[in-house]
């Protein structure tokens, strides 16, 4: 049974085509992984099928009475709302039914017998609907899901504007699961999630009976939960049965077959053109030349997929700093109240250190406190001599009104037009992306811009806050290689052991000093 049908979908932004005549089917029980390089249109596709974006052409048809729940990486949470408010909003429709029932009760006070009978019947229907959806157990349900995601440890009365990226993702995911939709649409759900909750989500999706569509660049996660892959490439969607590992195997085989067929056809075309050129003027062979010319004109020419620019990350290195790069003594971090016990640590030149721990326990706060971006509540931070620091922050909207070129030019005003374009292209951005405004780029493309700023400034200390979020598989691998070769010091927050295990020298468990564990 088809839950979702997409037919002849075409869409673009300006002169840039994202999809051309795309067809897609979601069947009952399918666990679909939507994969492709940054900027190919995965999030755009999700926005189209949820009705947040109107396609230029084509039809989107959902099966009747299908409720799709969408976890959007860009969903905003309004300041002033508490965690409990957000979770309770999953039942907004039921609360509305309760309000209607209360209004009926008020109207009963002045109703005559005939009206009373009608109101009682209407009230009975609403009451039955509330009971069917277990309305009177909403609070226990909220408490149960809050406990599963450890949101109860934060306090359900906490304002959502004070949440970290991982805590925010957990709140949105918990709300979505409370809604119990017929179909889950998940756009990069593991971004900012700690390992514990990625494992929890993996188990949940493995046992999920209904269909879902998942956008993710986490290969291990994708392999564990999907049974169908749709590959987004060059404005098309191609279906593959199996998980991500099976997809890559079949994709490489198909690509090899297409390249072999392309090479054979190109050789044939060359030979036909050569024959026509040599024989079209000779009377004896003119007819054969014309026959080959017609064959050329009727030939269905094979086209290879356009080669995307591959990222090339190479960090410029500054002079060698002092032996001790970072030293803290009894450091207490926080805002109005402490988030940590006194932290004493020493990072020496050349060390590559990862901060590990659950979402929201203060890892980003520690980085910003070391950098002096947040005042400390106690203790000291001493930075070494001759430091040249490169800082990668999780997300920022400061460049949204600019193009990629303008954002990089502001950082490096001495660069020529060629140098700016060349630097951005080396980070895997296409000409269209380089000339686009930052706010219309995908999360991965924005990450590549921020990495580009970092790569072009000489450093001997890199402080990286979740650098792999949003990056496609190819960019992650290249970043991993570049950090492995970097001779400077690295202090990094990351939730992907498979990314950092091969090159880090130390992993710090932040739960040993956090007061939020």
Protein backbone atom coordinates (compact mmCIF):
# COMPACT_ATOMS: atom_id res chain seq x y z
CA UNK A 1 0.00 0.00 0.00
CA UNK A 2 1.35 3.41 -0.99
CA UNK A 3 1.30 5.96 1.85
CA UNK A 4 2.92 8.75 -0.16
CA UNK A 5 3.14 9.23 -3.93
CA UNK A 6 5.27 11.92 -5.56
CA UNK A 7 4.83 12.28 -9.33
CA UNK A 8 6.74 14.41 -11.85
CA UNK A 9 8.19 16.66 -9.14
CA UNK A 10 10.30 19.56 -10.38
CA UNK A 11 11.67 22.36 -8.25
CA UNK A 12 14.48 24.89 -8.24
CA UNK A 13 15.80 28.09 -6.72
CA UNK A 14 16.46 30.77 -9.32
CA UNK A 15 18.43 29.23 -12.18
CA UNK A 16 19.43 26.23 -10.08
CA UNK A 17 17.34 23.07 -10.62
CA UNK A 18 17.01 20.90 -7.50
CA UNK A 19 14.63 18.23 -8.89
CA UNK A 20 13.51 17.32 -12.41
CA UNK A 21 10.51 14.99 -13.00
CA UNK A 22 11.12 13.04 -9.80
CA UNK A 23 8.97 10.05 -8.82
CA UNK A 24 8.90 8.66 -5.28
CA UNK A 25 6.82 6.06 -3.42
CA UNK A 26 6.64 5.38 0.32
CA UNK A 27 5.08 2.01 1.11
CA UNK A 28 3.63 0.81 4.41
CA UNK A 29 6.36 -0.33 6.81
CA UNK A 30 9.26 0.99 4.72
CA UNK A 31 12.17 2.52 6.61
CA UNK A 32 13.63 4.90 4.04
CA UNK A 33 17.02 6.60 4.17
CA UNK A 34 17.29 9.74 2.02
CA UNK A 35 20.98 10.19 1.20
CA UNK A 36 23.16 12.41 -0.94
CA UNK A 37 25.83 15.09 -0.81
CA UNK A 38 25.26 18.42 0.93
CA UNK A 39 23.06 20.72 -1.13
CA UNK A 40 21.49 18.04 -3.34
CA UNK A 41 18.02 18.79 -1.96
CA UNK A 42 17.26 16.31 0.84
CA UNK A 43 15.83 18.89 3.25
CA UNK A 44 14.08 20.62 0.35
CA UNK A 45 12.36 17.33 -0.51
CA UNK A 46 11.21 16.95 3.10
CA UNK A 47 9.86 20.51 3.08
CA UNK A 48 7.94 19.81 -0.13
CA UNK A 49 6.28 16.57 0.99
CA UNK A 50 5.23 18.19 4.30
CA UNK A 51 3.67 21.16 2.50
CA UNK A 52 6.11 23.72 3.89
CA UNK A 53 7.32 24.42 0.35
CA UNK A 54 5.32 24.39 -2.88
CA UNK A 55 7.01 22.61 -5.81
CA UNK A 56 7.28 24.28 -9.21
CA UNK A 57 5.59 21.25 -10.82
CA UNK A 58 4.26 17.84 -9.85
CA UNK A 59 1.84 16.31 -7.36
CA UNK A 60 2.27 15.15 -3.76
CA UNK A 61 -0.42 12.67 -2.66
CA UNK A 62 -0.73 11.30 0.87
CA UNK A 63 -3.05 8.40 1.67
CA UNK A 64 -6.28 9.53 3.35
CA UNK A 65 -6.18 10.16 7.10
CA UNK A 66 -2.36 9.86 7.21
CA UNK A 67 -0.74 11.90 9.97
CA UNK A 68 2.91 12.64 9.22
CA UNK A 69 5.15 13.88 12.04
CA UNK A 70 8.12 16.02 10.96
CA UNK A 71 11.34 16.60 12.89
CA UNK A 72 12.87 19.62 11.16
CA UNK A 73 16.48 20.58 11.91
CA UNK A 74 15.44 24.27 11.70
CA UNK A 75 12.31 24.18 13.91
CA UNK A 76 12.20 27.17 16.23
CA UNK A 77 11.13 26.94 19.87
CA UNK A 78 9.54 30.13 21.21
CA UNK A 79 11.23 31.75 24.21
CA UNK A 80 8.92 31.68 27.20
CA UNK A 81 7.73 28.14 26.52
CA UNK A 82 8.80 25.47 28.97
CA UNK A 83 9.83 21.93 28.08
CA UNK A 84 6.47 20.72 29.43
CA UNK A 85 4.63 23.27 27.24
CA UNK A 86 6.37 21.92 24.12
CA UNK A 87 5.68 18.29 25.03
CA UNK A 88 2.05 19.05 25.87
CA UNK A 89 1.60 20.76 22.48
CA UNK A 90 1.76 17.26 20.96
CA UNK A 91 -1.81 16.88 22.26
CA UNK A 92 -3.10 20.26 21.07
CA UNK A 93 -5.95 18.64 19.13
CA UNK A 94 -7.15 16.76 22.21
CA UNK A 95 -6.98 19.88 24.39
CA UNK A 96 -9.13 21.62 21.80
CA UNK A 97 -11.70 18.79 22.07
CA UNK A 98 -11.68 19.21 25.86
CA UNK A 99 -12.30 22.95 25.46
CA UNK A 100 -15.26 22.22 23.16
CA UNK A 101 -16.65 19.79 25.75
CA UNK A 102 -16.36 22.42 28.53
CA UNK A 103 -18.24 24.92 26.37
CA UNK A 104 -21.02 22.35 25.89
CA UNK A 105 -21.25 21.94 29.67
CA UNK A 106 -21.68 25.71 30.05
CA UNK A 107 -24.41 25.78 27.39
CA UNK A 108 -26.30 22.98 29.20
CA UNK A 109 -27.11 25.33 32.08
CA UNK A 110 -29.64 27.25 29.96
CA UNK A 111 -30.66 24.53 27.46
CA UNK A 112 -34.21 23.29 26.95
CA UNK A 113 -34.98 19.57 26.75
CA UNK A 114 -34.53 19.28 22.98
CA UNK A 115 -31.26 21.23 22.99
CA UNK A 116 -30.06 19.30 26.04
CA UNK A 117 -30.47 15.99 24.22
CA UNK A 118 -28.47 17.28 21.25
CA UNK A 119 -25.73 18.66 23.52
CA UNK A 120 -25.51 15.40 25.47
CA UNK A 121 -25.09 13.46 22.25
CA UNK A 122 -22.36 15.85 21.04
CA UNK A 123 -20.65 15.70 24.41
CA UNK A 124 -20.75 11.89 24.35
CA UNK A 125 -18.97 11.82 20.98
CA UNK A 126 -16.24 14.15 22.27
CA UNK A 127 -15.90 12.18 25.50
CA UNK A 128 -15.51 8.92 23.58
CA UNK A 129 -12.88 10.50 21.33
CA UNK A 130 -10.87 11.72 24.34
CA UNK A 131 -11.04 8.32 26.00
CA UNK A 132 -9.99 6.53 22.78
CA UNK A 133 -6.86 8.69 22.68
CA UNK A 134 -6.16 8.13 26.38
CA UNK A 135 -6.50 11.87 27.05
CA UNK A 136 -6.70 11.48 30.82
CA UNK A 137 -3.24 9.88 30.91
CA UNK A 138 -1.43 12.68 29.10
CA UNK A 139 0.61 13.78 32.13
CA UNK A 140 1.99 10.27 32.80
CA UNK A 141 2.84 9.97 29.10
CA UNK A 142 4.73 13.27 29.18
CA UNK A 143 6.58 12.20 32.32
CA UNK A 144 7.46 8.82 30.76
CA UNK A 145 8.93 10.26 27.54
CA UNK A 146 10.67 13.04 29.50
CA UNK A 147 12.34 10.40 31.65
CA UNK A 148 13.38 8.37 28.56
CA UNK A 149 15.17 11.43 27.16
CA UNK A 150 16.39 12.58 30.61
CA UNK A 151 14.49 15.85 30.20
CA UNK A 152 13.15 15.45 33.74
CA UNK A 153 16.71 15.98 34.97
CA UNK A 154 16.70 19.43 33.35
CA UNK A 155 13.36 20.28 34.93
CA UNK A 156 10.21 20.37 32.79
CA UNK A 157 9.64 24.01 33.78
CA UNK A 158 12.93 25.06 32.14
CA UNK A 159 12.59 27.71 29.40
CA UNK A 160 13.39 26.20 26.00
CA UNK A 161 15.45 29.26 25.03
CA UNK A 162 18.10 28.11 27.54
CA UNK A 163 18.55 24.66 25.98
CA UNK A 164 21.68 23.40 24.22
CA UNK A 165 21.48 22.05 20.67
CA UNK A 166 21.27 18.45 21.87
CA UNK A 167 18.64 19.22 24.52
CA UNK A 168 16.57 21.06 21.91
CA UNK A 169 16.73 18.06 19.56
CA UNK A 170 15.64 15.75 22.37
CA UNK A 171 12.64 17.97 23.22
CA UNK A 172 11.50 18.09 19.57
CA UNK A 173 11.98 14.34 19.17
CA UNK A 174 10.10 13.58 22.37
CA UNK A 175 7.20 15.81 21.26
CA UNK A 176 7.10 14.05 17.89
CA UNK A 177 6.97 10.59 19.48
CA UNK A 178 4.16 11.71 21.81
CA UNK A 179 2.12 12.66 18.74
CA UNK A 180 2.27 9.02 17.57
CA UNK A 181 2.13 9.91 13.85
CA UNK A 182 1.45 7.34 11.13
CA UNK A 183 4.71 8.32 9.39
CA UNK A 184 7.90 9.77 10.87
CA UNK A 185 9.88 12.31 8.82
CA UNK A 186 13.26 12.84 10.49
CA UNK A 187 15.76 15.41 9.20
CA UNK A 188 19.19 14.74 10.75
CA UNK A 189 17.82 13.59 14.14
CA UNK A 190 21.23 12.54 15.50
CA UNK A 191 22.77 16.01 15.16
CA UNK A 192 23.79 17.14 18.67
CA UNK A 193 22.52 13.91 20.28
CA UNK A 194 24.91 12.12 22.61
CA UNK A 195 25.75 8.44 22.07
CA UNK A 196 23.34 7.22 24.72
CA UNK A 197 20.35 8.82 22.99
CA UNK A 198 21.51 7.86 19.51
CA UNK A 199 21.52 4.26 20.79
CA UNK A 200 18.02 4.77 22.24
CA UNK A 201 16.72 6.22 18.96
CA UNK A 202 18.36 3.39 17.00
CA UNK A 203 16.51 0.80 19.06
CA UNK A 204 13.24 2.71 18.76
CA UNK A 205 13.43 2.94 14.96
CA UNK A 206 14.54 -0.67 14.57
CA UNK A 207 11.32 -1.74 16.30
CA UNK A 208 9.11 0.89 14.66
CA UNK A 209 6.24 -0.80 12.82
CA UNK A 210 5.15 2.18 10.72
CA UNK A 211 6.99 3.86 7.85
CA UNK A 212 9.57 6.60 8.19
CA UNK A 213 11.84 8.74 6.01
CA UNK A 214 15.21 9.60 7.50
CA UNK A 215 17.82 12.14 6.39
CA UNK A 216 21.18 11.43 8.02
CA UNK A 217 24.92 11.47 7.31
CA UNK A 218 25.62 9.08 10.19
CA UNK A 219 26.51 5.90 8.30
CA UNK A 220 26.46 3.54 11.32
CA UNK A 221 23.05 4.87 12.40
CA UNK A 222 21.64 4.65 8.88
CA UNK A 223 22.90 1.08 8.42
CA UNK A 224 21.14 0.03 11.60
CA UNK A 225 17.65 1.37 10.93
CA UNK A 226 16.78 1.63 7.20
CA UNK A 227 15.76 -1.01 4.65
CA UNK A 228 15.39 1.24 1.58
CA UNK A 229 17.67 3.99 0.27
CA UNK A 230 16.67 6.85 -2.03
CA UNK A 231 19.78 8.52 -3.44
CA UNK A 232 19.49 12.22 -4.33
CA UNK A 233 21.90 13.15 -7.13
CA UNK A 234 21.80 15.49 -10.13
CA UNK A 235 18.12 16.45 -9.68
CA UNK A 236 17.01 12.79 -9.53
CA UNK A 237 15.94 10.26 -6.87
CA UNK A 238 17.04 6.64 -7.36
CA UNK A 239 15.68 3.77 -5.25
CA UNK A 240 17.89 1.00 -3.80
CA UNK A 241 16.72 -1.91 -1.64
CA UNK A 242 18.72 -2.52 1.54
CA UNK A 243 20.67 -0.40 4.02
CA UNK A 244 23.38 2.20 3.33
CA UNK A 245 26.17 -0.38 3.03
CA UNK A 246 24.19 -2.33 0.41
CA UNK A 247 23.42 0.92 -1.42
CA UNK A 248 27.09 1.89 -1.71
CA UNK A 249 27.94 -1.57 -3.04
CA UNK A 250 25.21 -1.52 -5.72
CA UNK A 251 25.81 2.16 -6.53
CA UNK A 252 29.52 1.61 -7.20
CA UNK A 253 28.72 -1.42 -9.36
CA UNK A 254 26.14 0.53 -11.38
CA UNK A 255 28.46 3.48 -11.75
CA UNK A 256 31.17 1.17 -13.08
CA UNK A 257 28.73 -0.35 -15.57
CA UNK A 258 27.56 3.07 -16.76
CA UNK A 259 31.15 4.31 -17.16
CA UNK A 260 32.06 1.20 -19.16
CA UNK A 261 28.98 1.65 -21.40
CA UNK A 262 29.80 5.36 -21.77
CA UNK A 263 33.39 4.60 -22.85
CA UNK A 264 32.20 2.00 -25.38
CA UNK A 265 29.65 4.41 -26.80
CA UNK A 266 32.16 7.25 -27.02
CA UNK A 267 34.52 4.98 -28.94
CA UNK A 268 31.68 4.03 -31.30
CA UNK A 269 30.72 7.69 -31.78
CA UNK A 270 34.32 8.56 -32.58
CA UNK A 271 34.54 5.77 -35.16
CA UNK A 272 31.21 6.72 -36.78
CA UNK A 273 32.15 10.40 -37.00
CA UNK A 274 35.52 9.48 -38.45
CA UNK A 275 33.89 7.26 -41.11
CA UNK A 276 31.37 9.98 -42.05
CA UNK A 277 34.08 12.64 -42.33
CA UNK A 278 36.23 10.42 -44.61
CA UNK A 279 33.46 9.06 -46.83
CA UNK A 280 30.64 11.59 -47.17
CA UNK A 281 32.31 13.26 -50.17
CA UNK A 282 33.06 10.04 -52.06
CA UNK A 283 30.37 8.87 -54.45
CA UNK A 284 31.04 5.17 -53.86
CA UNK A 285 30.68 5.40 -50.08
CA UNK A 286 28.29 8.38 -49.69
CA UNK A 287 25.27 6.19 -48.87
CA UNK A 288 27.16 4.30 -46.17
CA UNK A 289 28.32 7.63 -44.70
CA UNK A 290 24.74 8.93 -44.67
CA UNK A 291 23.57 5.72 -42.96
CA UNK A 292 26.14 6.15 -40.20
CA UNK A 293 25.21 9.82 -39.87
CA UNK A 294 21.58 8.81 -39.24
CA UNK A 295 22.71 6.27 -36.68
CA UNK A 296 24.62 9.03 -34.88
CA UNK A 297 21.58 11.31 -34.87
CA UNK A 298 19.28 8.60 -33.46
CA UNK A 299 21.74 7.45 -30.81
CA UNK A 300 20.62 7.81 -27.19
CA UNK A 301 23.79 9.34 -25.78
CA UNK A 302 24.83 8.16 -22.32
CA UNK A 303 25.68 10.96 -19.89
CA UNK A 304 27.81 10.51 -16.81
CA UNK A 305 26.78 12.07 -13.50
CA UNK A 306 28.36 15.47 -13.05
CA UNK A 307 31.43 15.36 -10.86
CA UNK A 308 30.88 17.38 -7.70
CA UNK A 309 33.81 19.35 -6.31
CA UNK A 310 35.47 17.18 -3.68
CA UNK A 311 36.44 18.96 -0.46
CA UNK A 312 40.15 19.35 0.21
CA UNK A 313 40.76 20.37 3.80
CA UNK A 314 44.25 21.39 4.83
CA UNK A 315 44.75 23.47 7.96
CA UNK A 316 47.40 26.19 7.81
CA UNK A 317 49.74 25.91 10.76
CA UNK A 318 51.18 28.77 12.79
CA UNK A 319 54.48 28.86 14.70
CA UNK A 320 55.05 26.35 17.49
CA UNK A 321 53.49 27.56 20.80
CA UNK A 322 54.65 26.98 24.37
CA UNK A 323 54.61 23.44 25.78
CA UNK A 324 51.45 23.99 27.89
CA UNK A 325 48.68 25.26 25.64
CA UNK A 326 45.72 25.36 28.05
CA UNK A 327 45.74 25.07 31.83
CA UNK A 328 42.77 25.47 34.18
CA UNK A 329 42.87 25.47 37.98
CA UNK A 330 39.66 24.99 39.97
CA UNK A 331 37.73 26.43 37.04
CA UNK A 332 33.99 26.80 37.67
CA UNK A 333 31.86 27.40 34.60
CA UNK A 334 28.27 28.55 34.30
CA UNK A 335 26.07 31.56 33.85
CA UNK A 336 24.21 32.78 36.95
CA UNK A 337 24.68 29.45 38.70
CA UNK A 338 27.58 26.97 38.45
CA UNK A 339 27.38 24.14 35.92
CA UNK A 340 30.53 22.40 37.12
CA UNK A 341 32.61 21.35 40.05
CA UNK A 342 36.09 22.94 40.03
CA UNK A 343 37.85 21.71 36.86
CA UNK A 344 41.62 21.35 36.79
CA UNK A 345 43.10 20.27 33.47
CA UNK A 346 46.25 20.67 31.39
CA UNK A 347 46.47 20.40 27.60
CA UNK A 348 49.97 20.20 26.18
CA UNK A 349 51.25 21.05 22.72
CA UNK A 350 50.31 18.44 20.09
CA UNK A 351 47.59 16.75 22.16
CA UNK A 352 44.28 15.98 20.49
CA UNK A 353 41.58 15.91 23.15
CA UNK A 354 37.86 15.11 22.81
CA UNK A 355 35.25 16.21 25.34
CA UNK A 356 32.61 13.51 25.71
CA UNK A 357 29.37 13.45 27.67
CA UNK A 358 25.60 13.79 27.56
CA UNK A 359 23.89 16.78 25.97
CA UNK A 360 23.66 19.92 28.03
CA UNK A 361 26.21 19.11 30.73
CA UNK A 362 28.42 22.09 29.84
CA UNK A 363 30.84 21.01 27.09
CA UNK A 364 30.19 24.06 24.88
CA UNK A 365 30.18 26.31 27.95
CA UNK A 366 33.62 24.97 28.89
CA UNK A 367 34.98 25.75 25.41
CA UNK A 368 33.58 29.29 25.51
CA UNK A 369 34.90 29.81 29.04
CA UNK A 370 38.41 28.77 27.94
CA UNK A 371 38.17 31.18 25.01
CA UNK A 372 37.02 34.01 27.30
CA UNK A 373 33.67 34.31 25.53
CA UNK A 374 31.84 33.60 28.82
CA UNK A 375 33.01 34.94 32.22
CA UNK A 376 34.07 32.18 34.61
CA UNK A 377 32.45 31.82 38.04
CA UNK A 378 35.66 30.80 39.75
CA UNK A 379 39.19 29.54 39.26
CA UNK A 380 41.58 30.45 36.46
CA UNK A 381 42.22 29.74 32.78
CA UNK A 382 45.77 30.20 31.51
CA UNK A 383 46.48 30.07 27.78
CA UNK A 384 49.98 29.37 26.50
CA UNK A 385 52.31 31.72 24.67
CA UNK A 386 52.27 32.32 20.91
CA UNK A 387 48.82 30.77 20.45
CA UNK A 388 46.94 31.16 17.19
CA UNK A 389 43.44 29.83 17.90
CA UNK A 390 40.92 28.61 15.35
CA UNK A 391 37.36 28.23 16.72
CA UNK A 392 34.54 26.30 15.02
CA UNK A 393 31.18 26.99 16.65
CA UNK A 394 28.10 24.80 16.23
CA UNK A 395 25.89 27.23 14.33
CA UNK A 396 25.67 30.94 13.64
CA UNK A 397 23.36 33.19 11.66
CA UNK A 398 25.68 36.20 11.49
CA UNK A 399 26.36 35.66 7.76
CA UNK A 400 22.76 34.89 6.70
CA UNK A 401 22.26 38.14 4.76
CA UNK A 402 25.50 37.71 2.79
CA UNK A 403 26.60 35.49 -0.05
CA UNK A 404 29.26 32.86 0.61
CA UNK A 405 31.78 35.04 -1.20
CA UNK A 406 30.92 38.12 0.87
CA UNK A 407 31.12 36.15 4.13
CA UNK A 408 34.62 34.88 3.33
CA UNK A 409 35.74 38.25 1.91
CA UNK A 410 34.73 39.97 5.17
CA UNK A 411 37.02 37.53 6.97
CA UNK A 412 39.89 37.94 4.48
CA UNK A 413 39.53 41.39 2.81
CA UNK A 414 42.98 41.08 1.21
CA UNK A 415 41.95 38.09 -0.92
CA UNK A 416 41.32 38.55 -4.63
CA UNK A 417 38.10 37.37 -6.29
CA UNK A 418 39.97 34.32 -7.57
CA UNK A 419 41.39 33.48 -4.13
CA UNK A 420 37.95 33.69 -2.48
CA UNK A 421 36.32 31.46 -5.10
CA UNK A 422 39.21 29.02 -5.06
CA UNK A 423 39.15 28.70 -1.26
CA UNK A 424 35.40 28.01 -1.21
CA UNK A 425 35.65 25.53 -4.10
CA UNK A 426 38.36 23.61 -2.24
CA UNK A 427 35.83 23.13 0.57
CA UNK A 428 33.45 21.40 -1.84
CA UNK A 429 31.13 24.30 -2.72
CA UNK A 430 29.86 24.71 -6.28
CA UNK A 431 29.71 27.99 -8.20
CA UNK A 432 25.96 28.30 -7.49
CA UNK A 433 26.54 27.77 -3.77
CA UNK A 434 29.45 30.22 -3.69
CA UNK A 435 27.22 32.92 -5.18
CA UNK A 436 24.14 32.06 -3.05
CA UNK A 437 23.12 33.75 0.18
CA UNK A 438 24.18 31.81 3.26
CA UNK A 439 20.61 31.57 4.61
CA UNK A 440 19.44 29.46 1.62
CA UNK A 441 22.30 26.97 1.92
CA UNK A 442 21.89 23.59 3.57
CA UNK A 443 23.33 22.97 7.03
CA UNK A 444 26.24 21.06 5.48
CA UNK A 445 27.05 23.86 3.05
CA UNK A 446 27.04 26.38 5.89
CA UNK A 447 29.40 24.13 7.85
CA UNK A 448 31.77 24.03 4.86
CA UNK A 449 31.77 27.84 4.78
CA UNK A 450 32.67 28.00 8.48
CA UNK A 451 35.39 25.41 7.93
CA UNK A 452 36.71 27.46 5.01
CA UNK A 453 37.16 30.47 7.30
CA UNK A 454 39.08 28.25 9.71
CA UNK A 455 41.27 26.60 7.08
CA UNK A 456 42.54 29.88 5.68
CA UNK A 457 43.87 31.24 8.94
CA UNK A 458 47.08 29.80 10.37
CA UNK A 459 46.52 28.17 13.75
CA UNK A 460 48.27 26.01 16.28
CA UNK A 461 45.20 25.33 18.46
CA UNK A 462 41.85 24.22 17.05
CA UNK A 463 38.79 24.40 19.30
CA UNK A 464 35.99 22.56 17.51
CA UNK A 465 32.39 22.30 18.71
CA UNK A 466 30.58 19.44 16.91
CA UNK A 467 32.37 19.97 13.55
CA UNK A 468 30.80 16.89 11.89
CA UNK A 469 27.16 17.98 12.26
CA UNK A 470 25.44 18.32 8.86
CA UNK A 471 28.55 17.28 6.90
CA UNK A 472 28.06 14.61 4.23
CA UNK A 473 30.04 11.36 4.34
CA UNK A 474 32.73 12.51 1.91
CA UNK A 475 33.35 15.79 3.78
CA UNK A 476 33.52 13.95 7.12
CA UNK A 477 36.16 11.60 5.79
CA UNK A 478 38.21 14.49 4.43
CA UNK A 479 37.94 16.41 7.71
CA UNK A 480 39.02 13.30 9.60
CA UNK A 481 42.11 13.02 7.36
CA UNK A 482 42.95 16.72 7.75
CA UNK A 483 42.69 16.62 11.55
CA UNK A 484 44.81 13.47 11.64
CA UNK A 485 47.58 15.27 9.72
CA UNK A 486 47.30 18.52 11.72
CA UNK A 487 50.42 19.06 13.84
CA UNK A 488 48.79 21.53 16.19
CA UNK A 489 46.67 20.94 19.29
CA UNK A 490 42.96 20.03 19.11
CA UNK A 491 40.25 20.42 21.74
CA UNK A 492 36.99 19.09 20.31
CA UNK A 493 33.41 18.26 21.27
CA UNK A 494 32.13 15.33 19.21
CA UNK A 495 29.57 12.53 19.66
CA UNK A 496 30.92 10.28 16.88
CA UNK A 497 33.62 7.90 18.14
CA UNK A 498 34.05 6.39 14.67
CA UNK A 499 35.10 9.88 13.52
CA UNK A 500 37.72 10.68 16.16
CA UNK A 501 38.98 7.35 17.55
CA UNK A 502 41.79 6.98 15.01
CA UNK A 503 43.56 10.27 15.80
CA UNK A 504 42.75 11.59 19.28
CA UNK A 505 45.23 11.16 22.12
CA UNK A 506 42.79 11.58 25.01
CA UNK A 507 39.03 11.45 25.69
CA UNK A 508 37.72 13.44 28.66
CA UNK A 509 34.48 12.26 30.27
CA UNK A 510 32.78 15.53 31.23
CA UNK A 511 30.33 13.77 33.55
CA UNK A 512 33.14 13.62 36.14
CA UNK A 513 32.94 17.39 36.73
CA UNK A 514 29.46 18.44 35.53
CA UNK A 515 26.77 19.29 38.08
CA UNK A 516 24.07 18.52 35.51
CA UNK A 517 24.61 14.76 35.33
